[in-house]
C-alpha cells in the first residue's frame, strides 16, 4: 500500500480536483490512502472566522458565507447541480460549523481554532471523495479523527501512537482507495477535534504510512521536487534527486522548505521512502527522501531567512558568561517566544540570532538590560549554507556587512546586513 498527500494548492479549484483524479489514474495505483488538505487558502479564511469569534462576532456569518461560496463554486465546476448528494453534504458541514460557533462559549483560543479550522479538511475530502466516485473510482471516505488519537494540546497535539496504531489497524483497509483528512486528530477524553501543528498534513501521511507499513509516501506539490535553494532568492537552482533522512532533517532544522522533521521521524524508523513530486508532471521522478547517499547531486544547499534580529550580550562587570547566565537568557527567549536560529558565545559575550515573529523584542530587550550590556541589530539576514565551497561564500557576502560568521564541518552560517 502507498500513501499520497495532496496539499491545498493542488485542490484549490475544480481543475485541481480533476487533476488529482488524473494523477491517480496516471500513476495506476489501486491500493492507496490519500490525505487531502483544505482547499487553497481555506485555512486562512477560517482563521479569520476564529478572529471574528473573539473580537468581532457580527462579522462571523459573512466570513463563513464567503468560505461556503468558494467551495460551492468548486462544486459547480465538478458536478451537475442536481445530480450529486455532495452539495447537501457540504451544506450540512457548514451548518455544523455555524452551530458550533453559536453554541460554544469557550474563551480558549486554541480549542476554538481547532474546532473551526478543521472544517476546511472535512469539506475538501467530502468534495474529493464524491468527485472520485463521479469519475468511476471507487473509494472510502474516512474521518481521520476516528483514527489519530492525541492529547488535548490544541493547535499542536501530540499523537498517542499506541491508540492510533490500534485504530488505524482496525479501520483502514490496505486494499482499494481511502480518502482522509490531513492535519486533524481527536483527543481521547472528550473526542474534541485537535490539529497537529506545522506541516500537519504531511505528518498525517507519515503517521498512516508508519501504522500501515506502507511502501512509500508521495507528497504532491506544484514544484518539480526539492531544490537546493529557494528560486525566489537564488538563480540557477538545482533539483535534488535524493536526500538522506539525516540531511533532510538538518536542512529542515535550519529552515529549508523541505519536510518537517516530525514527518520524517516515523518514516525513518521503518525506512519508508518519501517522494516529493509535481502534480503537473506526475511521471517525473521528483525527489526521494530516504536511506542512502546524503545528497544527489552533491551540491551546496542555501537557506535564507530575512528580517531576523541579532542580539549580542556581555556581562555588566566583564565577568565570564557562565552557564547560569546563558540559562537565564534561554529562559527569557522562551518566555518571549523568540525562535532561536543561531547562537555563538565567547568568554565574556553571547550572541543569538532570533526571529521576532510575535513582536516581543522590546520587552525582551528590557529584561536583558537588567542583567547584561545589550547590543542588537534588526532587519538582518541569516544565510545557512550546507556543503559550501569558499568561492560561494565569498560571492554570497559580496557588498554585504558580515555581523557574525559561524562554521562547522558541513555548515556555514552568516548573519549579514544587506
Protein backbone atom coordinates (compact mmCIF):
# COMPACT_ATOMS: atom_id res chain seq x y z
CA UNK A 1 0.00 0.00 0.00
CA UNK A 2 1.12 3.57 -0.72
CA UNK A 3 0.20 6.93 0.80
CA UNK A 4 -0.41 10.05 -1.31
CA UNK A 5 -0.76 13.54 0.16
CA UNK A 6 -2.27 16.47 -1.77
CA UNK A 7 -1.84 19.97 -0.34
CA UNK A 8 -4.14 22.94 -0.62
CA UNK A 9 -2.52 24.27 -3.81
CA UNK A 10 -3.28 21.01 -5.61
CA UNK A 11 -7.03 21.23 -4.92
CA UNK A 12 -7.53 24.98 -4.93
CA UNK A 13 -10.20 24.86 -7.65
CA UNK A 14 -12.27 22.47 -9.76
CA UNK A 15 -9.40 21.94 -12.22
CA UNK A 16 -7.15 20.98 -9.34
CA UNK A 17 -9.57 18.32 -8.13
CA UNK A 18 -9.85 16.97 -11.68
CA UNK A 19 -6.05 16.84 -11.86
CA UNK A 20 -5.93 14.87 -8.58
CA UNK A 21 -8.04 12.22 -10.30
CA UNK A 22 -5.70 12.41 -13.29
CA UNK A 23 -2.66 11.79 -11.04
CA UNK A 24 -4.30 8.71 -9.51
CA UNK A 25 -5.19 7.41 -12.98
CA UNK A 26 -1.74 8.09 -14.48
CA UNK A 27 0.17 6.52 -11.60
CA UNK A 28 -2.10 3.48 -11.81
CA UNK A 29 -2.11 2.91 -8.05
CA UNK A 30 -5.01 0.77 -6.84
CA UNK A 31 -4.23 0.44 -3.13
CA UNK A 32 -3.89 3.94 -1.75
CA UNK A 33 -4.53 6.05 1.28
CA UNK A 34 -4.96 9.64 0.08
CA UNK A 35 -4.50 12.51 2.56
CA UNK A 36 -6.06 15.80 1.43
CA UNK A 37 -5.56 19.29 2.87
CA UNK A 38 -8.05 22.16 2.94
CA UNK A 39 -8.61 23.74 -0.46
CA UNK A 40 -6.49 26.73 -1.46
CA UNK A 41 -6.38 29.36 1.26
CA UNK A 42 -9.35 27.96 3.20
CA UNK A 43 -7.37 27.60 6.43
CA UNK A 44 -6.55 31.32 6.31
CA UNK A 45 -10.21 32.15 5.68
CA UNK A 46 -11.30 30.03 8.63
CA UNK A 47 -8.65 31.68 10.82
CA UNK A 48 -10.47 34.93 10.02
CA UNK A 49 -13.69 33.32 11.29
CA UNK A 50 -11.89 32.44 14.54
CA UNK A 51 -10.61 36.01 14.83
CA UNK A 52 -14.16 37.36 14.41
CA UNK A 53 -15.43 34.94 17.06
CA UNK A 54 -13.16 36.56 19.64
CA UNK A 55 -13.15 40.20 18.51
CA UNK A 56 -15.96 40.94 16.06
CA UNK A 57 -18.87 38.46 16.33
CA UNK A 58 -21.11 40.44 13.98
CA UNK A 59 -18.79 39.55 11.09
CA UNK A 60 -18.79 35.77 11.67
CA UNK A 61 -21.74 34.96 9.40
CA UNK A 62 -20.36 36.90 6.42
CA UNK A 63 -16.95 35.25 6.82
CA UNK A 64 -18.48 31.75 6.92
CA UNK A 65 -20.67 32.51 3.88
CA UNK A 66 -17.56 33.60 1.97
CA UNK A 67 -15.88 30.25 2.68
CA UNK A 68 -19.04 28.38 1.67
CA UNK A 69 -19.36 30.29 -1.60
CA UNK A 70 -15.76 29.46 -2.51
CA UNK A 71 -16.46 25.74 -2.10
CA UNK A 72 -19.86 26.00 -3.81
CA UNK A 73 -18.12 27.43 -6.89
CA UNK A 74 -15.77 24.43 -6.92
CA UNK A 75 -18.75 22.09 -6.58
CA UNK A 76 -20.43 23.74 -9.54
CA UNK A 77 -17.29 23.20 -11.60
CA UNK A 78 -17.29 19.48 -10.79
CA UNK A 79 -20.88 18.24 -10.61
CA UNK A 80 -24.24 18.76 -12.31
CA UNK A 81 -26.06 20.86 -9.69
CA UNK A 82 -28.95 18.47 -9.21
CA UNK A 83 -27.16 15.16 -9.64
CA UNK A 84 -24.98 14.81 -6.58
CA UNK A 85 -25.56 14.41 -2.86
CA UNK A 86 -22.28 16.17 -2.16
CA UNK A 87 -24.00 19.59 -2.34
CA UNK A 88 -26.17 18.57 0.62
CA UNK A 89 -23.18 17.02 2.43
CA UNK A 90 -21.15 20.23 2.14
CA UNK A 91 -24.12 22.34 3.21
CA UNK A 92 -24.53 20.10 6.27
CA UNK A 93 -20.88 20.57 7.24
CA UNK A 94 -21.28 24.34 7.12
CA UNK A 95 -24.46 24.02 9.18
CA UNK A 96 -22.41 22.12 11.79
CA UNK A 97 -19.77 24.86 11.77
CA UNK A 98 -22.35 27.60 12.28
CA UNK A 99 -23.97 25.54 15.05
CA UNK A 100 -20.67 25.22 16.91
CA UNK A 101 -20.00 28.96 16.64
CA UNK A 102 -23.44 29.74 18.08
CA UNK A 103 -23.31 27.13 20.85
CA UNK A 104 -19.82 27.46 22.21
CA UNK A 105 -18.95 29.92 24.94
CA UNK A 106 -15.29 28.92 25.11
CA UNK A 107 -12.62 31.59 25.56
CA UNK A 108 -9.85 29.10 24.84
CA UNK A 109 -8.47 30.37 21.52
CA UNK A 110 -6.58 27.18 20.67
CA UNK A 111 -9.64 25.00 21.33
CA UNK A 112 -11.96 27.16 19.20
CA UNK A 113 -9.31 27.36 16.48
CA UNK A 114 -9.09 23.59 16.12
CA UNK A 115 -12.87 23.08 16.06
CA UNK A 116 -13.36 25.76 13.38
CA UNK A 117 -10.33 25.33 11.12
CA UNK A 118 -10.91 21.56 10.88
CA UNK A 119 -13.89 22.15 8.59
CA UNK A 120 -11.51 23.06 5.77
CA UNK A 121 -10.25 19.48 5.59
CA UNK A 122 -13.68 17.93 6.23
CA UNK A 123 -15.21 19.84 3.31
CA UNK A 124 -12.31 19.28 0.90
CA UNK A 125 -12.30 15.50 1.43
CA UNK A 126 -16.08 15.30 1.03
CA UNK A 127 -15.73 17.00 -2.36
CA UNK A 128 -12.70 14.97 -3.49
CA UNK A 129 -14.24 11.65 -2.46
CA UNK A 130 -17.50 12.46 -4.26
CA UNK A 131 -15.67 13.52 -7.42
CA UNK A 132 -13.58 10.36 -7.45
CA UNK A 133 -16.83 8.38 -7.33
CA UNK A 134 -18.23 10.55 -10.11
CA UNK A 135 -15.14 9.72 -12.17
CA UNK A 136 -15.68 5.99 -11.64
CA UNK A 137 -13.01 5.50 -8.96
CA UNK A 138 -14.46 3.59 -6.04
CA UNK A 139 -13.23 4.94 -2.71
CA UNK A 140 -13.96 5.11 1.01
CA UNK A 141 -14.18 8.42 2.87
CA UNK A 142 -12.60 8.07 6.31
CA UNK A 143 -12.89 10.57 9.18
CA UNK A 144 -9.28 10.83 10.35
CA UNK A 145 -10.46 11.80 13.83
CA UNK A 146 -11.59 8.22 14.35
CA UNK A 147 -8.00 7.09 13.74
CA UNK A 148 -5.46 9.58 15.05
CA UNK A 149 -5.68 9.81 18.84
CA UNK A 150 -3.98 12.77 20.52
CA UNK A 151 -3.72 14.63 23.79
CA UNK A 152 -5.60 17.91 24.33
CA UNK A 153 -2.69 20.18 23.38
CA UNK A 154 -4.81 22.11 20.87
CA UNK A 155 -3.08 23.52 17.76
CA UNK A 156 -0.03 21.29 18.31
CA UNK A 157 -1.41 17.99 19.58
CA UNK A 158 0.82 15.04 20.45
CA UNK A 159 -0.05 11.67 18.93
CA UNK A 160 -0.92 8.70 21.14
CA UNK A 161 0.89 6.16 19.00
CA UNK A 162 -0.41 3.04 20.70
CA UNK A 163 -4.07 4.03 20.38
CA UNK A 164 -3.54 5.38 16.86
CA UNK A 165 -1.86 2.18 15.68
CA UNK A 166 -4.75 0.11 17.02
CA UNK A 167 -7.41 2.32 15.42
CA UNK A 168 -5.74 2.53 12.02
CA UNK A 169 -5.18 -1.22 12.03
CA UNK A 170 -8.87 -1.86 12.64
CA UNK A 171 -10.41 0.88 10.46
CA UNK A 172 -8.24 1.18 7.33
CA UNK A 173 -8.27 -1.40 4.57
CA UNK A 174 -4.97 -1.98 2.78
CA UNK A 175 -6.92 -2.67 -0.38
CA UNK A 176 -8.65 -0.06 -2.50
CA UNK A 177 -8.57 3.71 -2.18
CA UNK A 178 -9.27 5.57 1.07
CA UNK A 179 -9.65 9.36 1.26
CA UNK A 180 -8.99 11.12 4.55
CA UNK A 181 -8.12 14.49 6.05
CA UNK A 182 -4.70 15.84 6.86
CA UNK A 183 -3.78 17.95 9.89
CA UNK A 184 -6.53 16.62 12.21
CA UNK A 185 -6.89 14.25 15.14
CA UNK A 186 -9.13 13.89 18.18
CA UNK A 187 -8.27 13.98 21.86
CA UNK A 188 -9.09 10.87 23.87
CA UNK A 189 -11.10 12.27 26.77
CA UNK A 190 -13.96 14.18 25.11
CA UNK A 191 -13.26 13.38 21.45
CA UNK A 192 -12.87 17.06 20.54
CA UNK A 193 -11.03 17.81 17.31
CA UNK A 194 -7.33 18.65 17.54
CA UNK A 195 -4.80 19.80 14.96
CA UNK A 196 -1.24 18.57 14.59
CA UNK A 197 0.62 21.85 14.13
CA UNK A 198 3.07 22.91 11.48
CA UNK A 199 3.11 20.71 8.36
CA UNK A 200 0.30 18.70 9.95
CA UNK A 201 -0.96 17.13 6.71
CA UNK A 202 2.49 15.81 5.79
CA UNK A 203 2.72 14.41 9.31
CA UNK A 204 -0.68 12.74 8.89
CA UNK A 205 0.60 10.96 5.79
CA UNK A 206 3.65 9.75 7.73
CA UNK A 207 1.51 8.52 10.65
CA UNK A 208 -0.66 6.41 8.33
CA UNK A 209 2.39 5.13 6.43
CA UNK A 210 4.04 4.04 9.67
CA UNK A 211 0.94 2.33 11.06
CA UNK A 212 0.10 0.62 7.73
CA UNK A 213 3.70 -0.34 6.87
CA UNK A 214 3.25 1.50 3.58
CA UNK A 215 5.85 1.06 0.84
CA UNK A 216 6.16 4.83 0.27
CA UNK A 217 4.69 8.28 0.83
CA UNK A 218 4.35 10.79 -2.02
CA UNK A 219 3.70 14.48 -1.39
CA UNK A 220 2.29 16.14 -4.50
CA UNK A 221 3.28 19.77 -5.00
CA UNK A 222 3.29 22.47 -7.68
CA UNK A 223 7.10 22.17 -7.99
CA UNK A 224 9.32 19.51 -9.59
CA UNK A 225 10.67 18.38 -6.22
CA UNK A 226 13.08 19.73 -3.61
CA UNK A 227 15.55 22.34 -4.85
CA UNK A 228 18.90 23.24 -3.35
CA UNK A 229 17.75 26.85 -2.82
CA UNK A 230 14.62 28.99 -2.91
CA UNK A 231 14.26 30.18 -6.55
CA UNK A 232 12.68 33.41 -5.32
CA UNK A 233 16.07 34.48 -3.95
CA UNK A 234 18.66 32.38 -5.84
CA UNK A 235 19.25 31.80 -9.54
CA UNK A 236 20.37 28.56 -11.20
CA UNK A 237 18.81 26.29 -8.59
CA UNK A 238 19.31 22.51 -8.80
CA UNK A 239 16.75 19.75 -8.33
CA UNK A 240 17.85 17.31 -5.64
CA UNK A 241 17.15 13.76 -6.81
CA UNK A 242 17.87 12.13 -3.45
CA UNK A 243 18.24 13.39 0.13
CA UNK A 244 19.04 11.17 3.10
CA UNK A 245 16.73 11.30 6.12
CA UNK A 246 19.54 12.87 8.16
CA UNK A 247 20.31 15.54 5.57
CA UNK A 248 16.62 16.40 5.17
CA UNK A 249 16.27 16.82 8.93
CA UNK A 250 19.37 19.03 9.01
CA UNK A 251 18.03 21.20 6.19
CA UNK A 252 14.62 21.49 7.85
CA UNK A 253 16.25 22.41 11.18
CA UNK A 254 17.97 25.36 9.53
CA UNK A 255 14.73 26.50 7.91
CA UNK A 256 14.65 24.97 4.45
CA UNK A 257 11.24 24.29 2.96
CA UNK A 258 11.95 20.58 2.73
CA UNK A 259 9.97 18.29 5.01
CA UNK A 260 9.36 18.93 8.70
CA UNK A 261 11.43 16.63 10.98
CA UNK A 262 8.32 15.30 12.74
CA UNK A 263 7.15 13.97 9.36
CA UNK A 264 10.46 12.27 8.68
CA UNK A 265 10.93 10.63 12.07
CA UNK A 266 8.24 7.91 11.79
CA UNK A 267 9.25 7.23 8.17
CA UNK A 268 12.90 6.89 9.11
CA UNK A 269 12.09 4.38 11.87
CA UNK A 270 10.67 1.98 9.27
CA UNK A 271 12.83 3.18 6.36
CA UNK A 272 9.77 4.21 4.32
CA UNK A 273 10.89 6.43 1.41
CA UNK A 274 9.21 9.79 0.90
CA UNK A 275 8.82 11.31 -2.56
CA UNK A 276 8.17 14.95 -3.42
CA UNK A 277 6.69 15.17 -6.91
CA UNK A 278 4.92 17.57 -9.23
CA UNK A 279 1.17 17.13 -9.66
CA UNK A 280 1.64 18.90 -13.01
CA UNK A 281 4.08 16.23 -14.28
CA UNK A 282 3.26 13.17 -12.17
CA UNK A 283 5.50 10.76 -14.06
CA UNK A 284 8.65 12.82 -13.43
CA UNK A 285 10.88 11.28 -10.73
CA UNK A 286 10.88 14.27 -8.36
CA UNK A 287 12.90 14.00 -5.13
CA UNK A 288 13.29 10.94 -2.92
CA UNK A 289 14.00 11.34 0.80
CA UNK A 290 15.23 8.04 2.17
CA UNK A 291 18.09 5.79 3.10
CA UNK A 292 21.36 6.16 1.19
CA UNK A 293 23.62 8.96 0.00
CA UNK A 294 23.26 12.33 1.73
CA UNK A 295 22.69 14.31 -1.46
CA UNK A 296 22.36 13.52 -5.14
CA UNK A 297 23.67 15.52 -6.86
CA UNK A 298 26.38 16.60 -4.44
CA UNK A 299 25.80 20.33 -4.34
CA UNK A 300 25.63 23.23 -1.91
CA UNK A 301 22.25 23.96 -0.32
CA UNK A 302 21.32 27.54 0.52
CA UNK A 303 18.78 28.65 3.13
CA UNK A 304 17.85 32.29 3.62
CA UNK A 305 15.91 33.92 6.45
CA UNK A 306 15.12 37.62 6.24
CA UNK A 307 14.09 40.10 8.95
CA UNK A 308 15.99 38.44 11.78
CA UNK A 309 17.35 40.12 14.92
CA UNK A 310 20.93 39.70 16.13
CA UNK A 311 21.28 40.27 19.88
CA UNK A 312 24.74 40.50 21.46
CA UNK A 313 25.15 40.35 25.24
CA UNK A 314 28.07 40.83 27.59
CA UNK A 315 28.26 40.85 31.38
CA UNK A 316 28.00 44.19 33.18
CA UNK A 317 31.22 43.62 35.13
CA UNK A 318 33.27 41.86 32.40
CA UNK A 319 32.93 38.53 34.21
CA UNK A 320 32.67 35.29 32.26
CA UNK A 321 29.39 34.36 30.57
CA UNK A 322 28.76 31.24 32.61
CA UNK A 323 26.07 28.54 32.25
CA UNK A 324 23.75 30.25 34.75
CA UNK A 325 23.83 33.48 32.70
CA UNK A 326 23.16 31.67 29.45
CA UNK A 327 20.42 29.63 31.16
CA UNK A 328 18.65 32.87 32.12
CA UNK A 329 18.90 34.11 28.53
CA UNK A 330 17.29 30.96 27.13
CA UNK A 331 14.55 31.10 29.74
CA UNK A 332 13.66 34.63 28.65
CA UNK A 333 13.90 33.78 24.94
CA UNK A 334 11.36 31.02 25.59
CA UNK A 335 9.17 33.33 27.69
CA UNK A 336 9.01 35.91 24.89
CA UNK A 337 8.51 33.29 22.16
CA UNK A 338 11.70 34.04 20.28
CA UNK A 339 12.73 31.29 17.87
CA UNK A 340 16.49 30.84 18.15
CA UNK A 341 18.19 30.46 14.76
CA UNK A 342 21.88 30.67 15.75
CA UNK A 343 23.97 31.06 18.92
CA UNK A 344 27.61 31.94 19.49
CA UNK A 345 29.44 32.58 22.75
CA UNK A 346 32.90 33.53 23.97
CA UNK A 347 34.35 34.09 27.43
CA UNK A 348 32.57 37.42 28.01
CA UNK A 349 29.94 37.64 25.27
CA UNK A 350 26.95 35.75 23.94
CA UNK A 351 25.22 36.37 20.60
CA UNK A 352 21.93 34.98 19.39
CA UNK A 353 20.06 35.41 16.10
CA UNK A 354 16.29 35.21 16.60
CA UNK A 355 13.05 35.51 14.67
CA UNK A 356 10.85 38.20 16.24
CA UNK A 357 7.70 36.52 14.91
CA UNK A 358 5.49 37.56 17.83
CA UNK A 359 6.78 41.16 18.04
CA UNK A 360 8.13 40.76 21.58
CA UNK A 361 11.58 42.27 21.01
CA UNK A 362 11.12 45.40 23.15
CA UNK A 363 10.04 43.64 26.38
CA UNK A 364 12.78 41.04 25.85
CA UNK A 365 15.44 43.74 25.48
CA UNK A 366 14.16 45.47 28.62
CA UNK A 367 14.52 42.19 30.52
CA UNK A 368 18.02 41.57 29.17
CA UNK A 369 19.24 45.10 30.01
CA UNK A 370 18.65 44.43 33.70
CA UNK A 371 21.42 41.83 33.66
CA UNK A 372 23.62 42.47 30.60
CA UNK A 373 25.10 45.04 28.29
CA UNK A 374 22.93 44.70 25.20
CA UNK A 375 23.56 45.49 21.53
CA UNK A 376 21.21 44.46 18.75
CA UNK A 377 20.62 44.74 15.01
CA UNK A 378 17.17 44.44 13.49
CA UNK A 379 16.35 43.53 9.89
CA UNK A 380 19.38 41.32 9.37
CA UNK A 381 19.52 38.30 7.05
CA UNK A 382 20.66 34.83 8.09
CA UNK A 383 22.25 32.64 5.43
CA UNK A 384 22.83 28.97 6.12
CA UNK A 385 24.86 27.01 3.56
CA UNK A 386 25.32 23.26 3.70
CA UNK A 387 28.31 21.67 1.90
CA UNK A 388 29.54 25.05 0.67
CA UNK A 389 32.64 25.96 -1.32
CA UNK A 390 34.76 29.02 -0.30
CA UNK A 391 34.01 30.79 -3.58
CA UNK A 392 30.28 30.51 -2.93
CA UNK A 393 30.61 32.12 0.49
CA UNK A 394 32.72 34.93 -0.96
CA UNK A 395 30.08 35.58 -3.60
CA UNK A 396 27.31 35.47 -1.04
CA UNK A 397 28.78 38.18 1.20
CA UNK A 398 29.88 40.50 -1.60
CA UNK A 399 28.71 44.08 -0.87
CA UNK A 400 27.24 42.96 2.47
CA UNK A 401 28.36 43.62 6.05
CA UNK A 402 29.01 40.37 7.90
CA UNK A 403 27.96 40.76 11.54
CA UNK A 404 28.58 37.17 12.58
CA UNK A 405 30.01 34.05 10.97
CA UNK A 406 29.92 30.50 12.29
CA UNK A 407 31.39 27.49 10.53
CA UNK A 408 31.38 23.76 11.17
CA UNK A 409 32.42 20.81 9.00
CA UNK A 410 29.33 20.86 6.81
CA UNK A 411 27.57 24.14 7.58
CA UNK A 412 28.38 27.84 7.31
CA UNK A 413 26.05 30.41 8.88
CA UNK A 414 26.30 34.12 8.23
CA UNK A 415 24.37 37.00 9.75
CA UNK A 416 24.61 39.94 7.35
CA UNK A 417 23.34 43.45 6.94
CA UNK A 418 22.28 43.93 3.33
